[in-house]
Amino acid sequence: MSRRPAMNPEALAPGRRAFLGHGAALGLGGLVPWLACPLPAAAADYKALVCVFLNGGNDGLNTVLPADAARHGQYAAVRGALAVPRASVLPLAGTDLGLHPALAPLLAAWQEGALAPVLNLGPLAGPLTKAQYRAALSGSPRVPPSLFSHAGQQLLWHSGGVDGMARTGWGGRATDTLATANPVISAAGNDRFGLSSARAQIVVPGPGEQFGAYLIQGNALLWAPAALRRAAIDALYGPVQDSTVAGAVAQVTRDAFAISDRLGPTLLAKPGSQAGFAAIDNAFAPVIAGGSVRAGLAAQLYQTAKLIAAREVVQGSRQIFYVQLDGFDTHAGQIDSAGPLSGRHALLLADLASALAAFHAAMKALGLAGAVTSFTQSDFGRTFKPNGNRGTDHAWGNHHLVLGGAVRGGQAYGALPELVLGGADDVGVDAWELQGRWIPKLSVDQYAATLLAWFGAGPAQIDAVLPNLANFGAARNLGFV
């Protein structure tokens, strides 16, 4: 099983997070009154980025596949029982690629030009050939640290390839550099992606859950003990404090309650509970049962969709969100006895596709499809060669998906690796290491820079967020959005 990396204690200074109320947590910034000043309402040029992290290391080779006869034959010869039959691959018209059949809900987005695969992508310190990789000494800055490790590679994806021990994430740094009204908003708990040097992400609960110490709806307190707790905290932190540090702590606490009061009603809404979210409820109908959104990614994206719809309340014209789908560490049982069209990985991809399709439909219904771009990240790809447990092991380069009305879809970006064990893209040379762990051709930095350029960041701001980007010369923007 994969695990999220433990948080660096130094990354969360005292006062950095306030835990509020009845089962809800709100992560806040450092001891600065970042919400003390009035914030602007959402502008007409609103844009949002939504990071969808596939926790555990998604098998990109069974997500985006070769559809042409020659390369599918190479793929099938190595993948064996894990290979998706060519007749079952969902062709991406205009390319020689296809999708796993479990991703069928995303085909409509491809057909409308709103979906793009980005191929053989991963953490890199700079362009790297196999010869350079093999010649590099241990600890060389050419080779990213902690390769093939969950914790190490998650940190590199979250940090933007800066460094395996980076205390901040590229999402968090972007919100600081662009001075967004809010930090990253996470529906998936705390992770490095949303941390900056000044602020931690806002962590929101699932649909129907209370956010903050108390919530007033129609002037009725939903939970009386929480109201008493709130009154006590207001009395404690309301008066002027007699020291700078105490005053800063008090301001952070007041700001925490201000956020929870502002966002609480939106987050509390469940399907059918608020007429203002009917368009979102309709879009998410395929993942709603018994009045509740399916737990996991669908519920997280439902919360994200509501916060985008309520952007005037959330405040600010730029917002980054973080969501996560767990379970991709498929060392065993990636497929079941029925073959590659069923089993654990197929179920995970079906979850991903249905949730993303519902979210994209909601953005279209709100007239915001062109203003919201979703993108996947994951620890790493999986080995081309399967193991003996109907599964795959840790690798490096991977394929990812970008979705939204601003995406330049209808084509793939980057290129499939050479589908040959021990070939130019495989790190291995000796027989024992010929597993197909691809050296990426595109970097996390280039991927993030492309998204941030669309988001409105200028070249100097992008360089501040992604200092390794300079190592890739003029190849800063991959052009998919």
Protein backbone atom coordinates (compact mmCIF):
# COMPACT_ATOMS: atom_id res chain seq x y z
CA MET A 1 0.00 0.00 0.00
CA SER A 2 1.20 3.51 -0.74
CA ARG A 3 1.30 6.16 1.91
CA ARG A 4 1.28 9.88 1.74
CA PRO A 5 4.64 11.31 2.81
CA ALA A 6 4.75 12.55 6.36
CA MET A 7 4.59 16.32 6.62
CA ASN A 8 7.82 18.09 7.50
CA PRO A 9 7.12 19.55 10.96
CA GLU A 10 9.07 22.68 10.01
CA ALA A 11 6.67 23.26 7.12
CA LEU A 12 3.83 24.07 9.53
CA ALA A 13 4.85 26.81 11.91
CA PRO A 14 2.94 27.38 15.16
CA GLY A 15 -0.38 29.00 14.37
CA ARG A 16 -0.20 27.75 10.80
CA ARG A 17 -3.30 25.58 11.11
CA ALA A 18 -6.44 25.98 13.16
CA PHE A 19 -8.60 22.97 13.83
CA LEU A 20 -12.15 24.12 14.10
CA GLY A 21 -15.39 22.73 15.29
CA HIS A 22 -17.20 19.48 14.96
CA GLY A 23 -14.95 17.29 12.79
CA ALA A 24 -13.89 20.00 10.29
CA ALA A 25 -10.36 21.31 9.82
CA LEU A 26 -9.18 24.56 8.26
CA GLY A 27 -5.53 25.01 7.32
CA LEU A 28 -4.34 28.62 7.55
CA GLY A 29 -1.25 30.59 6.71
CA GLY A 30 1.56 31.79 8.97
CA LEU A 31 1.21 34.50 11.58
CA VAL A 32 0.15 37.18 9.10
CA PRO A 33 -3.32 38.74 8.80
CA TRP A 34 -3.78 37.65 5.20
CA LEU A 35 -7.56 38.03 5.40
CA ALA A 36 -7.56 41.27 7.38
CA CYS A 37 -8.15 43.44 4.30
CA PRO A 38 -11.28 43.38 2.16
CA LEU A 39 -10.95 40.95 -0.73
CA PRO A 40 -12.15 41.57 -4.29
CA ALA A 41 -15.21 39.84 -5.66
CA ALA A 42 -14.70 37.31 -8.44
CA ALA A 43 -13.79 39.09 -11.65
CA ALA A 44 -15.10 38.41 -15.11
CA ASP A 45 -11.77 36.84 -16.05
CA TYR A 46 -12.05 34.13 -13.38
CA LYS A 47 -9.83 31.08 -13.86
CA ALA A 48 -9.35 27.95 -11.78
CA LEU A 49 -6.85 25.09 -11.86
CA VAL A 50 -7.87 21.72 -10.42
CA CYS A 51 -5.07 19.27 -9.57
CA VAL A 52 -6.31 15.65 -9.57
CA PHE A 53 -3.70 13.50 -7.82
CA LEU A 54 -3.83 9.76 -8.52
CA ASN A 55 -2.29 8.50 -5.33
CA GLY A 56 -0.06 5.41 -5.48
CA GLY A 57 1.26 5.63 -9.05
CA ASN A 58 -1.22 5.23 -11.90
CA ASP A 59 -0.39 2.78 -14.69
CA GLY A 60 -0.29 5.31 -17.50
CA LEU A 61 0.63 2.61 -20.02
CA ASN A 62 -2.85 1.11 -19.56
CA THR A 63 -4.47 4.55 -19.43
CA VAL A 64 -3.28 5.99 -22.76
CA LEU A 65 -2.35 3.20 -25.18
CA PRO A 66 -1.02 2.73 -28.70
CA ALA A 67 -3.91 2.03 -31.07
CA ASP A 68 -1.95 1.37 -34.26
CA ALA A 69 -1.23 -2.27 -35.10
CA ALA A 70 2.58 -2.12 -34.96
CA ARG A 71 3.01 -0.41 -31.62
CA HIS A 72 0.05 -2.15 -30.03
CA GLY A 73 1.74 -5.42 -31.02
CA GLN A 74 4.93 -4.31 -29.23
CA TYR A 75 2.92 -3.26 -26.21
CA ALA A 76 0.91 -6.51 -26.04
CA ALA A 77 4.01 -8.70 -26.45
CA VAL A 78 5.50 -7.30 -23.22
CA ARG A 79 2.36 -6.65 -21.20
CA GLY A 80 1.01 -10.15 -21.67
CA ALA A 81 -2.10 -10.76 -19.56
CA LEU A 82 -2.23 -7.06 -18.60
CA ALA A 83 -2.52 -5.89 -22.22
CA VAL A 84 -5.79 -4.23 -23.21
CA PRO A 85 -6.85 -5.93 -26.50
CA ARG A 86 -6.54 -3.61 -29.46
CA ALA A 87 -10.22 -4.11 -30.33
CA SER A 88 -11.16 -2.77 -26.87
CA VAL A 89 -8.99 0.36 -26.98
CA LEU A 90 -11.11 3.49 -27.36
CA PRO A 91 -9.51 5.29 -30.32
CA LEU A 92 -8.71 8.98 -30.00
CA ALA A 93 -9.74 10.15 -33.46
CA GLY A 94 -6.99 11.90 -35.38
CA THR A 95 -4.18 10.15 -33.47
CA ASP A 96 -2.74 6.65 -33.28
CA LEU A 97 -3.55 6.49 -29.56
CA GLY A 98 -6.51 5.34 -27.52
CA LEU A 99 -7.88 5.17 -23.99
CA HIS A 100 -8.62 2.27 -21.68
CA PRO A 101 -12.31 1.36 -22.17
CA ALA A 102 -13.06 2.28 -18.55
CA LEU A 103 -12.40 5.91 -19.54
CA ALA A 104 -15.36 5.96 -21.94
CA PRO A 105 -17.11 8.84 -20.10
CA LEU A 106 -14.24 11.11 -21.22
CA LEU A 107 -14.61 10.38 -24.94
CA ALA A 108 -17.18 13.17 -25.34
CA ALA A 109 -14.62 15.67 -24.01
CA TRP A 110 -12.11 14.40 -26.58
CA GLN A 111 -14.66 14.82 -29.35
CA GLU A 112 -15.34 18.41 -28.31
CA GLY A 113 -11.61 19.17 -28.22
CA ALA A 114 -11.46 19.58 -24.43
CA LEU A 115 -9.18 16.63 -23.53
CA ALA A 116 -5.47 16.13 -24.19
CA PRO A 117 -3.02 13.39 -23.13
CA VAL A 118 0.48 14.52 -22.16
CA LEU A 119 2.93 11.66 -22.69
CA ASN A 120 6.01 10.37 -20.84
CA LEU A 121 6.07 13.05 -18.20
CA GLY A 122 7.85 13.04 -14.85
CA PRO A 123 10.27 14.71 -12.44
CA LEU A 124 13.48 15.84 -14.14
CA ALA A 125 16.24 18.23 -13.11
CA GLY A 126 16.85 18.88 -16.81
CA PRO A 127 16.78 16.99 -20.11
CA LEU A 128 18.27 13.53 -19.54
CA THR A 129 19.38 10.75 -21.88
CA LYS A 130 19.87 7.12 -20.92
CA ALA A 131 23.63 7.48 -21.29
CA GLN A 132 23.63 10.46 -18.94
CA TYR A 133 21.44 8.58 -16.47
CA ARG A 134 23.72 5.54 -16.49
CA ALA A 135 26.86 7.66 -16.14
CA ALA A 136 25.52 9.82 -13.33
CA LEU A 137 26.96 9.18 -9.89
CA SER A 138 24.64 8.64 -6.96
CA GLY A 139 23.42 12.02 -5.81
CA SER A 140 24.12 13.72 -9.12
CA PRO A 141 21.87 16.76 -9.64
CA ARG A 142 21.08 15.36 -13.09
CA VAL A 143 19.03 12.53 -11.62
CA PRO A 144 16.06 13.32 -9.34
CA PRO A 145 16.39 11.96 -5.78
CA SER A 146 14.42 9.01 -4.46
CA LEU A 147 13.49 7.60 -7.84
CA PHE A 148 10.80 4.89 -7.81
CA SER A 149 9.87 5.83 -4.21
CA HIS A 150 6.31 6.84 -3.32
CA ALA A 151 7.25 9.51 -0.79
CA GLY A 152 10.14 10.94 -2.81
CA GLN A 153 8.32 11.10 -6.12
CA GLN A 154 5.10 12.47 -4.61
CA LEU A 155 7.13 15.31 -3.14
CA LEU A 156 8.76 16.03 -6.49
CA TRP A 157 5.38 16.17 -8.21
CA HIS A 158 3.92 18.34 -5.45
CA SER A 159 6.93 20.63 -5.26
CA GLY A 160 7.31 21.01 -9.02
CA GLY A 161 10.56 19.08 -9.18
CA VAL A 162 12.32 21.61 -6.98
CA ASP A 163 13.84 19.21 -4.50
CA GLY A 164 12.84 16.06 -2.69
CA MET A 165 12.89 17.90 0.64
CA ALA A 166 11.10 21.04 -0.54
CA ARG A 167 8.87 22.52 2.16
CA THR A 168 6.44 24.08 -0.31
CA GLY A 169 4.40 22.95 -3.30
CA TRP A 170 4.14 24.54 -6.71
CA GLY A 171 0.42 25.19 -6.19
CA GLY A 172 1.11 26.99 -2.93
CA ARG A 173 3.99 28.99 -4.36
CA ALA A 174 1.82 30.02 -7.29
CA THR A 175 -0.89 31.41 -5.00
CA ASP A 176 1.72 33.48 -3.17
CA THR A 177 3.51 34.67 -6.29
CA LEU A 178 0.25 35.68 -7.96
CA ALA A 179 -1.13 37.10 -4.68
CA THR A 180 -4.39 35.19 -5.03
CA ALA A 181 -7.16 36.01 -2.56
CA ASN A 182 -7.06 32.48 -1.13
CA PRO A 183 -4.43 29.78 -0.79
CA VAL A 184 -5.00 26.42 -2.47
CA ILE A 185 -8.34 24.90 -1.46
CA SER A 186 -8.05 21.14 -0.86
CA ALA A 187 -10.96 18.72 -0.67
CA ALA A 188 -8.48 15.89 -0.02
CA GLY A 189 -6.78 16.86 3.22
CA ASN A 190 -3.32 18.32 3.70
CA ASP A 191 -0.60 17.70 1.14
CA ARG A 192 2.60 19.43 0.07
CA PHE A 193 1.11 20.71 -3.20
CA GLY A 194 -0.80 23.54 -1.50
CA LEU A 195 1.82 24.71 1.00
CA SER A 196 3.68 27.99 0.57
CA SER A 197 6.10 29.89 2.76
CA ALA A 198 3.26 32.08 4.02
CA ARG A 199 0.07 30.01 3.85
CA ALA A 200 -1.20 26.48 4.19
CA GLN A 201 -4.10 25.24 2.09
CA ILE A 202 -7.71 25.58 3.18
CA VAL A 203 -8.92 22.03 3.85
CA VAL A 204 -12.64 21.56 3.28
CA PRO A 205 -14.92 18.64 4.27
CA GLY A 206 -17.27 16.57 2.12
CA PRO A 207 -20.80 17.51 1.02
CA GLY A 208 -23.20 17.89 3.95
CA GLU A 209 -20.43 18.19 6.54
CA GLN A 210 -20.18 21.17 8.84
CA PHE A 211 -17.23 23.49 8.25
CA GLY A 212 -15.95 25.60 11.10
CA ALA A 213 -16.81 25.89 14.75
CA TYR A 214 -20.44 26.55 14.04
CA LEU A 215 -22.70 27.40 11.15
CA ILE A 216 -25.83 29.51 11.22
CA GLN A 217 -28.52 28.60 8.72
CA GLY A 218 -31.73 30.60 8.84
CA ASN A 219 -30.57 32.08 12.18
CA ALA A 220 -30.70 28.60 13.76
CA LEU A 221 -27.60 27.12 15.35
CA LEU A 222 -26.97 23.64 13.97
CA TRP A 223 -24.94 22.47 16.97
CA ALA A 224 -25.26 24.29 20.27
CA PRO A 225 -22.00 23.07 21.93
CA ALA A 226 -20.03 24.38 18.95
CA ALA A 227 -21.75 27.74 19.31
CA LEU A 228 -20.63 27.91 22.95
CA ARG A 229 -17.09 27.02 21.91
CA ARG A 230 -17.20 29.74 19.25
CA ALA A 231 -18.42 32.32 21.74
CA ALA A 232 -15.57 31.43 24.12
CA ILE A 233 -12.98 31.74 21.34
CA ASP A 234 -14.47 35.05 20.20
CA ALA A 235 -14.19 36.33 23.77
CA LEU A 236 -10.60 35.13 23.99
CA TYR A 237 -9.33 36.50 20.69
CA GLY A 238 -11.66 39.47 20.17
CA PRO A 239 -9.95 42.05 22.39
CA VAL A 240 -6.75 43.86 21.40
CA GLN A 241 -3.77 41.74 22.44
CA ASP A 242 -0.82 43.03 24.41
CA SER A 243 1.92 41.62 22.15
CA THR A 244 2.63 41.38 18.43
CA VAL A 245 2.69 37.59 18.44
CA ALA A 246 -0.53 37.29 20.45
CA GLY A 247 -2.17 39.80 18.13
CA ALA A 248 -1.10 37.83 15.07
CA VAL A 249 -2.42 34.57 16.56
CA ALA A 250 -5.71 36.28 17.35
CA GLN A 251 -5.97 37.62 13.80
CA VAL A 252 -5.31 34.20 12.28
CA THR A 253 -8.04 32.74 14.49
CA ARG A 254 -10.52 35.45 13.52
CA ASP A 255 -9.63 34.90 9.86
CA ALA A 256 -10.25 31.17 10.26
CA PHE A 257 -13.76 31.83 11.49
CA ALA A 258 -14.32 34.36 8.74
CA ILE A 259 -13.46 31.73 6.13
CA SER A 260 -15.64 29.07 7.74
CA ASP A 261 -18.57 31.48 8.00
CA ARG A 262 -18.11 32.44 4.35
CA LEU A 263 -17.70 28.96 2.85
CA GLY A 264 -19.72 26.88 5.31
CA PRO A 265 -23.18 27.15 3.70
CA THR A 266 -21.82 26.26 0.26
CA LEU A 267 -19.92 23.24 1.56
CA LEU A 268 -22.89 22.03 3.61
CA ALA A 269 -25.11 21.75 0.51
CA LYS A 270 -25.93 18.21 -0.63
CA PRO A 271 -27.62 17.20 -3.88
CA GLY A 272 -31.12 18.65 -3.96
CA SER A 273 -30.66 20.77 -0.83
CA GLN A 274 -30.11 24.14 -2.50
CA ALA A 275 -31.83 25.26 -5.70
CA GLY A 276 -28.83 27.41 -6.58
CA PHE A 277 -26.78 24.28 -7.27
CA ALA A 278 -29.35 22.49 -9.46
CA ALA A 279 -27.11 22.67 -12.55
CA ILE A 280 -24.29 21.01 -10.63
CA ASP A 281 -26.63 18.37 -9.21
CA ASN A 282 -27.84 17.54 -12.72
CA ALA A 283 -24.29 17.24 -14.04
CA PHE A 284 -23.30 14.94 -11.18
CA ALA A 285 -26.45 12.79 -11.49
CA PRO A 286 -24.44 9.76 -12.82
CA VAL A 287 -22.45 9.68 -9.55
CA ILE A 288 -25.32 10.47 -7.17
CA ALA A 289 -27.27 7.73 -5.41
CA GLY A 290 -29.72 8.01 -2.55
CA GLY A 291 -29.27 11.76 -2.39
CA SER A 292 -25.52 11.57 -1.84
CA VAL A 293 -22.55 11.94 -4.15
CA ARG A 294 -20.41 8.83 -4.42
CA ALA A 295 -17.62 9.03 -1.86
CA GLY A 296 -14.08 9.78 -2.95
CA LEU A 297 -13.14 11.77 -6.01
CA ALA A 298 -16.71 12.47 -7.13
CA ALA A 299 -17.58 14.03 -3.75
CA GLN A 300 -14.39 16.11 -3.77
CA LEU A 301 -15.09 17.41 -7.28
CA TYR A 302 -18.70 18.11 -6.30
CA GLN A 303 -17.42 20.36 -3.50
CA THR A 304 -14.99 21.99 -5.93
CA ALA A 305 -17.75 22.63 -8.46
CA LYS A 306 -19.91 24.34 -5.81
CA LEU A 307 -17.02 26.56 -4.70
CA ILE A 308 -16.45 27.58 -8.32
CA ALA A 309 -20.16 28.31 -8.75
CA ALA A 310 -20.05 30.38 -5.54
CA ARG A 311 -16.85 32.17 -6.57
CA GLU A 312 -18.19 35.59 -5.47
CA VAL A 313 -18.44 34.20 -1.94
CA VAL A 314 -15.11 32.38 -2.16
CA GLN A 315 -13.61 35.63 -3.51
CA GLY A 316 -10.82 36.29 -5.95
CA SER A 317 -10.41 35.87 -9.71
CA ARG A 318 -7.84 33.05 -9.53
CA GLN A 319 -8.17 29.85 -7.49
CA ILE A 320 -6.27 26.55 -7.34
CA PHE A 321 -8.00 23.40 -6.05
CA TYR A 322 -6.62 20.02 -5.03
CA VAL A 323 -8.44 16.66 -5.07
CA GLN A 324 -7.21 13.07 -4.89
CA LEU A 325 -8.16 9.52 -5.84
CA ASP A 326 -6.42 6.78 -3.83
CA GLY A 327 -5.60 3.17 -4.61
CA PHE A 328 -3.23 3.20 -7.61
CA ASP A 329 -0.37 1.20 -6.05
CA THR A 330 -1.26 -1.86 -8.11
CA HIS A 331 1.50 -4.33 -7.25
CA ALA A 332 -1.10 -7.09 -7.23
CA GLY A 333 -4.59 -7.53 -8.58
CA GLN A 334 -4.32 -4.77 -11.15
CA ILE A 335 -6.49 -7.05 -13.26
CA ASP A 336 -8.67 -9.93 -12.15
CA SER A 337 -9.13 -13.41 -13.60
CA ALA A 338 -11.45 -12.01 -16.26
CA GLY A 339 -8.59 -10.02 -17.80
CA PRO A 340 -7.48 -6.41 -18.28
CA LEU A 341 -10.95 -4.97 -18.84
CA SER A 342 -11.89 -5.62 -15.22
CA GLY A 343 -10.14 -5.62 -11.89
CA ARG A 344 -8.78 -2.94 -9.63
CA HIS A 345 -7.21 -0.63 -12.20
CA ALA A 346 -10.28 -0.66 -14.44
CA LEU A 347 -12.47 0.27 -11.46
CA LEU A 348 -10.15 3.14 -10.52
CA LEU A 349 -10.14 4.49 -14.08
CA ALA A 350 -13.93 4.24 -14.20
CA ASP A 351 -14.11 6.27 -10.97
CA LEU A 352 -11.74 8.85 -12.42
CA ALA A 353 -13.61 9.13 -15.71
CA SER A 354 -17.11 9.36 -14.25
CA ALA A 355 -16.08 11.99 -11.70
CA LEU A 356 -14.14 14.11 -14.21
CA ALA A 357 -16.91 13.84 -16.81
CA ALA A 358 -19.49 15.01 -14.23
CA PHE A 359 -17.25 17.89 -13.18
CA HIS A 360 -16.66 18.97 -16.79
CA ALA A 361 -20.40 18.79 -17.47
CA ALA A 362 -21.00 21.01 -14.43
CA MET A 363 -18.48 23.58 -15.67
CA LYS A 364 -20.22 23.63 -19.06
CA ALA A 365 -23.61 24.06 -17.40
CA LEU A 366 -22.22 27.03 -15.45
CA GLY A 367 -20.73 28.55 -18.62
CA LEU A 368 -17.25 28.17 -17.12
CA ALA A 369 -15.75 25.27 -19.08
CA GLY A 370 -13.18 27.59 -20.67
CA ALA A 371 -12.29 29.08 -17.29
CA VAL A 372 -11.49 25.81 -15.47
CA THR A 373 -8.66 23.42 -16.34
CA SER A 374 -8.26 20.06 -14.57
CA PHE A 375 -5.08 18.01 -14.79
CA THR A 376 -3.83 14.73 -13.37
CA GLN A 377 -0.64 14.06 -11.43
CA SER A 378 0.60 10.83 -9.82
CA ASP A 379 3.61 9.47 -7.95
CA PHE A 380 5.12 7.83 -11.05
CA GLY A 381 4.25 5.44 -13.87
CA ARG A 382 4.30 1.65 -13.55
CA THR A 383 6.70 -0.83 -15.10
CA PHE A 384 6.02 -1.81 -18.69
CA LYS A 385 6.75 -5.43 -17.82
CA PRO A 386 4.19 -6.89 -15.40
CA ASN A 387 5.20 -8.73 -12.25
CA GLY A 388 4.03 -12.19 -11.21
CA ASN A 389 1.01 -10.98 -9.23
CA ARG A 390 -1.16 -9.61 -12.04
CA GLY A 391 0.30 -6.22 -11.22
CA THR A 392 3.05 -3.74 -11.97
CA ASP A 393 5.83 -2.13 -9.98
CA HIS A 394 7.19 1.39 -9.45
CA ALA A 395 8.63 3.20 -12.45
CA TRP A 396 9.15 6.83 -13.54
CA GLY A 397 7.76 8.44 -16.73
CA ASN A 398 3.96 8.48 -17.03
CA HIS A 399 1.06 9.72 -19.14
CA HIS A 400 -1.39 12.33 -17.85
CA LEU A 401 -4.69 13.91 -18.89
CA VAL A 402 -5.67 17.59 -19.09
CA LEU A 403 -9.35 18.53 -19.32
CA GLY A 404 -11.19 21.80 -19.89
CA GLY A 405 -12.71 24.12 -22.43
CA ALA A 406 -9.42 26.00 -22.89
CA VAL A 407 -7.48 22.79 -23.63
CA ARG A 408 -6.12 22.44 -27.16
CA GLY A 409 -7.50 18.96 -27.49
CA GLY A 410 -7.78 16.58 -30.37
CA GLN A 411 -4.07 15.78 -30.20
CA ALA A 412 -1.49 14.33 -27.83
CA TYR A 413 1.50 16.23 -26.47
CA GLY A 414 4.89 14.56 -26.21
CA ALA A 415 5.57 11.08 -27.54
CA LEU A 416 5.19 7.51 -26.38
CA PRO A 417 8.45 5.99 -25.18
CA GLU A 418 10.14 3.37 -27.29
CA LEU A 419 8.21 0.24 -26.33
CA VAL A 420 11.31 -1.95 -26.02
CA LEU A 421 12.71 -3.37 -22.80
CA GLY A 422 16.28 -2.13 -22.48
CA GLY A 423 15.71 0.40 -25.27
CA ALA A 424 16.73 4.04 -25.35
CA ASP A 425 13.97 5.11 -22.94
CA ASP A 426 14.32 2.25 -20.42
CA VAL A 427 16.67 2.91 -17.48
CA GLY A 428 17.69 -0.75 -17.45
CA VAL A 429 20.70 -2.46 -19.06
CA ASP A 430 21.25 -5.70 -17.15
CA ALA A 431 18.70 -8.50 -17.48
CA TRP A 432 17.39 -8.12 -13.94
CA GLU A 433 16.49 -4.45 -14.48
CA LEU A 434 14.82 -4.69 -17.89
CA GLN A 435 11.38 -3.70 -16.64
CA GLY A 436 10.46 -0.71 -18.75
CA ARG A 437 10.87 2.20 -16.34
CA TRP A 438 10.80 5.06 -18.79
CA ILE A 439 13.07 8.11 -18.54
CA PRO A 440 10.65 11.03 -18.97
CA LYS A 441 10.97 13.29 -21.99
CA LEU A 442 8.83 16.04 -20.48
CA SER A 443 9.16 17.44 -16.97
CA VAL A 444 6.80 18.34 -14.15
CA ASP A 445 8.23 21.87 -14.46
CA GLN A 446 7.19 22.21 -18.12
CA TYR A 447 3.76 20.77 -17.34
CA ALA A 448 3.20 23.17 -14.45
CA ALA A 449 4.60 26.13 -16.40
CA THR A 450 2.14 25.51 -19.24
CA LEU A 451 -0.77 25.48 -16.79
CA LEU A 452 0.45 28.58 -14.96
CA ALA A 453 0.95 30.53 -18.18
CA TRP A 454 -2.72 29.89 -19.02
CA PHE A 455 -3.63 30.81 -15.44
CA GLY A 456 -2.16 34.27 -16.01
CA ALA A 457 1.36 34.03 -14.61
CA GLY A 458 4.05 35.95 -16.46
CA PRO A 459 7.50 34.50 -17.30
CA ALA A 460 9.19 35.99 -14.24
CA GLN A 461 6.42 34.73 -11.95
CA ILE A 462 6.64 31.24 -13.47
CA ASP A 463 10.42 31.24 -12.95
CA ALA A 464 9.88 32.19 -9.30
CA VAL A 465 7.46 29.27 -8.82
CA LEU A 466 9.52 26.77 -10.87
CA PRO A 467 13.25 27.54 -10.54
CA ASN A 468 14.26 24.33 -12.39
CA LEU A 469 12.41 25.47 -15.50
CA ALA A 470 15.48 27.42 -16.66
CA ASN A 471 17.24 24.06 -17.21
CA PHE A 472 14.88 23.33 -20.13
CA GLY A 473 15.87 26.38 -22.17
CA ALA A 474 13.24 27.63 -24.59
CA ALA A 475 11.03 24.53 -24.10
CA ARG A 476 8.99 26.19 -21.36
CA ASN A 477 5.46 25.75 -22.65
CA LEU A 478 4.10 22.43 -23.94
CA GLY A 479 1.20 24.14 -25.70
CA PHE A 480 -1.69 21.95 -24.52
CA VAL A 481 -3.67 24.90 -23.12
